Amino acid sequence: MAAVRVRQQHQHQQVQQPITPPSPQPTIIRRKKPNQKFEKTMLLALVGIIIVLGVIVLNKQAAIQTTSIDIQNIESEAEEIAKQNVDLTVRVSELSTYENIWKKAKELGLTQNEKNVKVVPGE
């Protein structure tokens, strides 16, 4: 029975203990640095400069890319013209043979008259 009484007193003591509110934490007062505005301004200026430099670099890279494409187009056109020149040179050599010239002359009604040939001395 003594054990029951001790238990009841112990429970009674636990119920009667007042609940204490948590102790308030001390407030931290932050002091502003005297150069805080200057530092923010300098940080914003630095970020602005980095952005401007990035845009300039991208612009220059785009210009370089455009110029490179133009150069490639001009080179391909030059190669095509060189091929056409070779083809035309071959065609000129084919058409300037004596047989082709004589054949064309006959088609146009020209004849060879040896009495009308004049020899010009070379220099």
N, C-alpha and C. Protein backbone atom coordinates (compact mmCIF):
# COMPACT_ATOMS: atom_id res chain seq x y z
N MET A 1 0.81 -1.15 0.00
CA MET A 1 0.00 0.00 0.00
C MET A 1 0.88 1.26 0.00
N ALA A 2 1.97 1.11 0.62
CA ALA A 2 2.90 2.24 0.66
C ALA A 2 3.37 2.56 -0.75
N ALA A 3 3.50 1.53 -1.56
CA ALA A 3 3.97 1.76 -2.93
C ALA A 3 2.90 2.51 -3.72
N VAL A 4 1.64 2.26 -3.46
CA VAL A 4 0.56 2.94 -4.18
C VAL A 4 0.54 4.40 -3.76
N ARG A 5 0.73 4.68 -2.45
CA ARG A 5 0.74 6.05 -1.98
C ARG A 5 1.91 6.85 -2.58
N VAL A 6 3.05 6.22 -2.68
CA VAL A 6 4.23 6.90 -3.24
C VAL A 6 3.95 7.23 -4.71
N ARG A 7 3.31 6.28 -5.38
CA ARG A 7 3.00 6.50 -6.80
C ARG A 7 2.01 7.65 -6.95
N GLN A 8 1.00 7.73 -6.12
CA GLN A 8 0.00 8.79 -6.21
C GLN A 8 0.63 10.13 -5.89
N GLN A 9 1.50 10.18 -4.92
CA GLN A 9 2.17 11.44 -4.60
C GLN A 9 3.08 11.86 -5.77
N HIS A 10 3.74 10.90 -6.35
CA HIS A 10 4.65 11.19 -7.45
C HIS A 10 3.86 11.73 -8.65
N GLN A 11 2.68 11.10 -8.95
CA GLN A 11 1.84 11.57 -10.05
C GLN A 11 1.28 12.95 -9.73
N HIS A 12 0.93 13.18 -8.47
CA HIS A 12 0.37 14.45 -8.03
C HIS A 12 1.43 15.55 -8.17
N GLN A 13 2.66 15.23 -7.88
CA GLN A 13 3.74 16.20 -8.00
C GLN A 13 4.00 16.54 -9.47
N GLN A 14 3.89 15.53 -10.32
CA GLN A 14 4.14 15.78 -11.73
C GLN A 14 3.08 16.69 -12.33
N VAL A 15 1.85 16.55 -11.89
CA VAL A 15 0.75 17.34 -12.42
C VAL A 15 0.86 18.77 -11.91
N GLN A 16 1.34 19.00 -10.72
CA GLN A 16 1.36 20.31 -10.13
C GLN A 16 2.56 21.15 -10.59
N GLN A 17 3.52 20.58 -11.23
CA GLN A 17 4.68 21.36 -11.65
C GLN A 17 4.23 22.35 -12.73
N PRO A 18 4.51 23.61 -12.52
CA PRO A 18 4.08 24.62 -13.51
C PRO A 18 4.93 24.48 -14.79
N ILE A 19 4.28 24.70 -15.88
CA ILE A 19 4.97 24.66 -17.17
C ILE A 19 5.56 26.04 -17.41
N THR A 20 6.85 26.07 -17.57
CA THR A 20 7.51 27.36 -17.77
C THR A 20 7.64 27.63 -19.28
N PRO A 21 7.34 28.82 -19.69
CA PRO A 21 7.48 29.14 -21.11
C PRO A 21 8.96 29.17 -21.47
N PRO A 22 9.26 28.87 -22.71
CA PRO A 22 10.67 28.88 -23.10
C PRO A 22 11.24 30.29 -22.94
N SER A 23 12.46 30.30 -22.54
CA SER A 23 13.10 31.60 -22.30
C SER A 23 13.32 32.31 -23.63
N PRO A 24 13.03 33.58 -23.68
CA PRO A 24 13.21 34.30 -24.95
C PRO A 24 14.70 34.39 -25.28
N GLN A 25 14.99 34.20 -26.60
CA GLN A 25 16.38 34.28 -27.03
C GLN A 25 16.75 35.75 -27.18
N PRO A 26 17.98 36.04 -26.91
CA PRO A 26 18.37 37.45 -27.03
C PRO A 26 18.32 37.87 -28.51
N THR A 27 17.85 39.07 -28.77
CA THR A 27 17.76 39.56 -30.14
C THR A 27 19.14 40.00 -30.60
N ILE A 28 19.42 39.66 -31.84
CA ILE A 28 20.72 40.01 -32.41
C ILE A 28 20.53 41.29 -33.21
N ILE A 29 21.26 42.27 -32.87
CA ILE A 29 21.19 43.54 -33.57
C ILE A 29 22.33 43.58 -34.57
N ARG A 30 21.96 43.69 -35.82
CA ARG A 30 22.99 43.76 -36.86
C ARG A 30 23.28 45.22 -37.15
N ARG A 31 24.51 45.50 -37.14
CA ARG A 31 24.91 46.86 -37.47
C ARG A 31 25.28 46.90 -38.95
N LYS A 32 24.77 47.88 -39.64
CA LYS A 32 25.08 48.02 -41.05
C LYS A 32 26.52 48.48 -41.21
N LYS A 33 27.15 47.87 -42.18
CA LYS A 33 28.51 48.28 -42.47
C LYS A 33 28.46 49.65 -43.14
N PRO A 34 29.42 50.48 -42.90
CA PRO A 34 29.37 51.82 -43.50
C PRO A 34 29.53 51.78 -45.03
N ASN A 35 30.15 50.74 -45.61
CA ASN A 35 30.37 50.67 -47.05
C ASN A 35 29.43 49.70 -47.74
N GLN A 36 28.33 49.34 -47.12
CA GLN A 36 27.44 48.34 -47.68
C GLN A 36 26.84 48.82 -49.01
N LYS A 37 26.44 50.06 -49.12
CA LYS A 37 25.88 50.57 -50.38
C LYS A 37 26.95 50.58 -51.45
N PHE A 38 28.14 50.96 -51.10
CA PHE A 38 29.25 50.97 -52.07
C PHE A 38 29.54 49.57 -52.57
N GLU A 39 29.53 48.60 -51.67
CA GLU A 39 29.79 47.22 -52.07
C GLU A 39 28.70 46.69 -52.99
N LYS A 40 27.45 47.01 -52.69
CA LYS A 40 26.34 46.58 -53.56
C LYS A 40 26.47 47.23 -54.94
N THR A 41 26.81 48.50 -54.94
CA THR A 41 26.98 49.20 -56.22
C THR A 41 28.11 48.59 -57.03
N MET A 42 29.20 48.29 -56.39
CA MET A 42 30.34 47.70 -57.10
C MET A 42 29.99 46.29 -57.60
N LEU A 43 29.25 45.54 -56.82
CA LEU A 43 28.83 44.21 -57.24
C LEU A 43 27.91 44.30 -58.46
N LEU A 44 26.97 45.21 -58.43
CA LEU A 44 26.08 45.40 -59.59
C LEU A 44 26.87 45.86 -60.82
N ALA A 45 27.84 46.74 -60.61
CA ALA A 45 28.67 47.20 -61.73
C ALA A 45 29.47 46.03 -62.31
N LEU A 46 30.02 45.19 -61.45
CA LEU A 46 30.78 44.03 -61.91
C LEU A 46 29.90 43.07 -62.70
N VAL A 47 28.71 42.79 -62.19
CA VAL A 47 27.78 41.91 -62.90
C VAL A 47 27.40 42.53 -64.25
N GLY A 48 27.17 43.84 -64.28
CA GLY A 48 26.84 44.52 -65.53
C GLY A 48 27.97 44.43 -66.53
N ILE A 49 29.19 44.62 -66.08
CA ILE A 49 30.35 44.53 -66.97
C ILE A 49 30.49 43.12 -67.52
N ILE A 50 30.30 42.12 -66.68
CA ILE A 50 30.39 40.73 -67.14
C ILE A 50 29.33 40.44 -68.19
N ILE A 51 28.12 40.93 -67.99
CA ILE A 51 27.05 40.71 -68.96
C ILE A 51 27.37 41.41 -70.28
N VAL A 52 27.84 42.65 -70.21
CA VAL A 52 28.18 43.39 -71.44
C VAL A 52 29.30 42.68 -72.19
N LEU A 53 30.33 42.24 -71.48
CA LEU A 53 31.44 41.53 -72.13
C LEU A 53 30.96 40.22 -72.75
N GLY A 54 30.07 39.53 -72.08
CA GLY A 54 29.52 38.29 -72.63
C GLY A 54 28.76 38.54 -73.92
N VAL A 55 27.96 39.60 -73.95
CA VAL A 55 27.21 39.94 -75.16
C VAL A 55 28.17 40.31 -76.29
N ILE A 56 29.22 41.06 -75.98
CA ILE A 56 30.20 41.44 -77.00
C ILE A 56 30.89 40.20 -77.56
N VAL A 57 31.28 39.28 -76.70
CA VAL A 57 31.94 38.06 -77.17
C VAL A 57 31.01 37.26 -78.08
N LEU A 58 29.75 37.12 -77.68
CA LEU A 58 28.80 36.38 -78.51
C LEU A 58 28.58 37.07 -79.86
N ASN A 59 28.54 38.40 -79.85
CA ASN A 59 28.37 39.14 -81.09
C ASN A 59 29.56 38.92 -82.02
N LYS A 60 30.76 38.96 -81.47
CA LYS A 60 31.97 38.76 -82.29
C LYS A 60 32.01 37.33 -82.83
N GLN A 61 31.62 36.36 -82.04
CA GLN A 61 31.61 34.97 -82.49
C GLN A 61 30.60 34.80 -83.64
N ALA A 62 29.47 35.46 -83.53
CA ALA A 62 28.47 35.38 -84.61
C ALA A 62 29.02 36.01 -85.88
N ALA A 63 29.73 37.14 -85.75
CA ALA A 63 30.32 37.80 -86.92
C ALA A 63 31.39 36.91 -87.55
N ILE A 64 32.19 36.26 -86.73
CA ILE A 64 33.23 35.35 -87.24
C ILE A 64 32.58 34.18 -87.97
N GLN A 65 31.52 33.64 -87.42
CA GLN A 65 30.83 32.51 -88.05
C GLN A 65 30.25 32.93 -89.40
N THR A 66 29.64 34.10 -89.45
CA THR A 66 29.07 34.59 -90.71
C THR A 66 30.16 34.79 -91.76
N THR A 67 31.28 35.37 -91.36
CA THR A 67 32.39 35.58 -92.29
C THR A 67 32.95 34.25 -92.77
N SER A 68 33.04 33.28 -91.88
CA SER A 68 33.54 31.96 -92.25
C SER A 68 32.63 31.31 -93.28
N ILE A 69 31.33 31.43 -93.11
CA ILE A 69 30.38 30.87 -94.08
C ILE A 69 30.53 31.57 -95.43
N ASP A 70 30.69 32.90 -95.40
CA ASP A 70 30.89 33.64 -96.65
C ASP A 70 32.15 33.18 -97.37
N ILE A 71 33.22 32.97 -96.63
CA ILE A 71 34.48 32.52 -97.23
C ILE A 71 34.29 31.14 -97.87
N GLN A 72 33.61 30.24 -97.19
CA GLN A 72 33.38 28.91 -97.75
C GLN A 72 32.55 28.98 -99.02
N ASN A 73 31.55 29.86 -99.05
CA ASN A 73 30.73 30.01 -100.26
C ASN A 73 31.57 30.54 -101.42
N ILE A 74 32.42 31.52 -101.16
CA ILE A 74 33.26 32.09 -102.21
C ILE A 74 34.26 31.05 -102.72
N GLU A 75 34.82 30.26 -101.81
CA GLU A 75 35.76 29.21 -102.23
C GLU A 75 35.08 28.17 -103.10
N SER A 76 33.86 27.80 -102.75
CA SER A 76 33.15 26.80 -103.58
C SER A 76 32.81 27.38 -104.95
N GLU A 77 32.45 28.67 -105.00
CA GLU A 77 32.19 29.31 -106.29
C GLU A 77 33.47 29.36 -107.13
N ALA A 78 34.60 29.66 -106.50
CA ALA A 78 35.87 29.71 -107.22
C ALA A 78 36.23 28.34 -107.79
N GLU A 79 36.00 27.29 -107.02
CA GLU A 79 36.26 25.94 -107.51
C GLU A 79 35.36 25.60 -108.71
N GLU A 80 34.11 26.00 -108.63
CA GLU A 80 33.17 25.74 -109.73
C GLU A 80 33.60 26.49 -110.98
N ILE A 81 34.02 27.73 -110.85
CA ILE A 81 34.48 28.51 -112.00
C ILE A 81 35.76 27.90 -112.58
N ALA A 82 36.64 27.41 -111.71
CA ALA A 82 37.87 26.77 -112.20
C ALA A 82 37.52 25.52 -113.02
N LYS A 83 36.56 24.74 -112.58
CA LYS A 83 36.13 23.56 -113.33
C LYS A 83 35.55 23.97 -114.69
N GLN A 84 34.74 25.03 -114.70
CA GLN A 84 34.17 25.51 -115.95
C GLN A 84 35.27 25.98 -116.90
N ASN A 85 36.30 26.65 -116.37
CA ASN A 85 37.41 27.11 -117.21
C ASN A 85 38.15 25.93 -117.83
N VAL A 86 38.36 24.89 -117.07
CA VAL A 86 39.04 23.70 -117.60
C VAL A 86 38.19 23.08 -118.71
N ASP A 87 36.88 22.97 -118.47
CA ASP A 87 35.99 22.40 -119.49
C ASP A 87 36.00 23.25 -120.76
N LEU A 88 35.97 24.57 -120.61
CA LEU A 88 35.97 25.45 -121.78
C LEU A 88 37.30 25.40 -122.52
N THR A 89 38.41 25.26 -121.80
CA THR A 89 39.71 25.14 -122.44
C THR A 89 39.78 23.87 -123.28
N VAL A 90 39.27 22.77 -122.75
CA VAL A 90 39.24 21.51 -123.49
C VAL A 90 38.37 21.66 -124.73
N ARG A 91 37.24 22.31 -124.60
CA ARG A 91 36.33 22.49 -125.74
C ARG A 91 36.97 23.37 -126.82
N VAL A 92 37.69 24.43 -126.41
CA VAL A 92 38.37 25.29 -127.38
C VAL A 92 39.43 24.50 -128.14
N SER A 93 40.18 23.68 -127.40
CA SER A 93 41.22 22.89 -128.08
C SER A 93 40.60 21.88 -129.04
N GLU A 94 39.44 21.33 -128.70
CA GLU A 94 38.77 20.40 -129.59
C GLU A 94 38.25 21.11 -130.85
N LEU A 95 37.67 22.27 -130.67
CA LEU A 95 37.07 22.98 -131.80
C LEU A 95 38.11 23.69 -132.67
N SER A 96 39.31 23.92 -132.17
CA SER A 96 40.30 24.66 -132.95
C SER A 96 41.22 23.75 -133.77
N THR A 97 40.88 22.49 -133.86
CA THR A 97 41.68 21.60 -134.72
C THR A 97 41.42 21.94 -136.18
N TYR A 98 42.40 21.62 -137.04
CA TYR A 98 42.31 21.94 -138.46
C TYR A 98 41.10 21.28 -139.11
N GLU A 99 40.82 20.05 -138.74
CA GLU A 99 39.69 19.33 -139.33
C GLU A 99 38.36 20.01 -139.02
N ASN A 100 38.19 20.43 -137.80
CA ASN A 100 36.93 21.08 -137.41
C ASN A 100 36.78 22.43 -138.11
N ILE A 101 37.87 23.17 -138.22
CA ILE A 101 37.81 24.46 -138.90
C ILE A 101 37.46 24.26 -140.38
N TRP A 102 38.10 23.29 -141.04
CA TRP A 102 37.85 23.01 -142.46
C TRP A 102 36.41 22.54 -142.68
N LYS A 103 35.91 21.73 -141.77
CA LYS A 103 34.54 21.23 -141.87
C LYS A 103 33.54 22.39 -141.76
N LYS A 104 33.78 23.27 -140.81
CA LYS A 104 32.89 24.42 -140.61
C LYS A 104 32.95 25.36 -141.81
N ALA A 105 34.14 25.52 -142.39
CA ALA A 105 34.28 26.38 -143.57
C ALA A 105 33.48 25.81 -144.73
N LYS A 106 33.53 24.51 -144.95
CA LYS A 106 32.77 23.88 -146.03
C LYS A 106 31.28 24.05 -145.81
N GLU A 107 30.82 23.94 -144.53
CA GLU A 107 29.40 24.13 -144.23
C GLU A 107 28.94 25.54 -144.58
N LEU A 108 29.83 26.49 -144.41
CA LEU A 108 29.49 27.88 -144.70
C LEU A 108 29.70 28.24 -146.17
N GLY A 109 30.19 27.29 -146.97
CA GLY A 109 30.35 27.51 -148.41
C GLY A 109 31.69 28.13 -148.78
N LEU A 110 32.66 28.07 -147.95
CA LEU A 110 33.98 28.62 -148.27
C LEU A 110 34.81 27.55 -148.97
N THR A 111 35.63 28.00 -149.91
CA THR A 111 36.54 27.08 -150.62
C THR A 111 37.95 27.62 -150.52
N GLN A 112 38.88 26.75 -150.80
CA GLN A 112 40.27 27.15 -150.71
C GLN A 112 40.75 27.55 -152.12
N ASN A 113 41.19 28.78 -152.28
CA ASN A 113 41.67 29.29 -153.55
C ASN A 113 43.14 29.65 -153.36
N GLU A 114 44.02 28.81 -153.93
CA GLU A 114 45.45 29.01 -153.70
C GLU A 114 45.99 30.23 -154.43
N LYS A 115 45.30 30.72 -155.47
CA LYS A 115 45.75 31.91 -156.18
C LYS A 115 45.50 33.17 -155.34
N ASN A 116 44.62 33.05 -154.39
CA ASN A 116 44.26 34.22 -153.59
C ASN A 116 44.98 34.22 -152.23
N VAL A 117 45.99 33.38 -152.04
CA VAL A 117 46.69 33.27 -150.77
C VAL A 117 47.87 34.25 -150.79
N LYS A 118 47.99 35.03 -149.77
CA LYS A 118 49.11 35.95 -149.65
C LYS A 118 49.96 35.52 -148.46
N VAL A 119 51.24 35.49 -148.63
CA VAL A 119 52.15 35.09 -147.58
C VAL A 119 52.74 36.36 -146.97
N VAL A 120 52.64 36.44 -145.68
CA VAL A 120 53.17 37.59 -144.94
C VAL A 120 54.41 37.10 -144.21
N PRO A 121 55.54 37.74 -144.47
CA PRO A 121 56.75 37.30 -143.79
C PRO A 121 56.64 37.56 -142.28
N GLY A 122 57.13 36.61 -141.50
CA GLY A 122 57.09 36.74 -140.04
C GLY A 122 58.18 37.64 -139.54
N GLU A 123 58.06 38.13 -138.44
CA GLU A 123 59.07 39.04 -137.88
C GLU A 123 60.15 38.29 -137.18
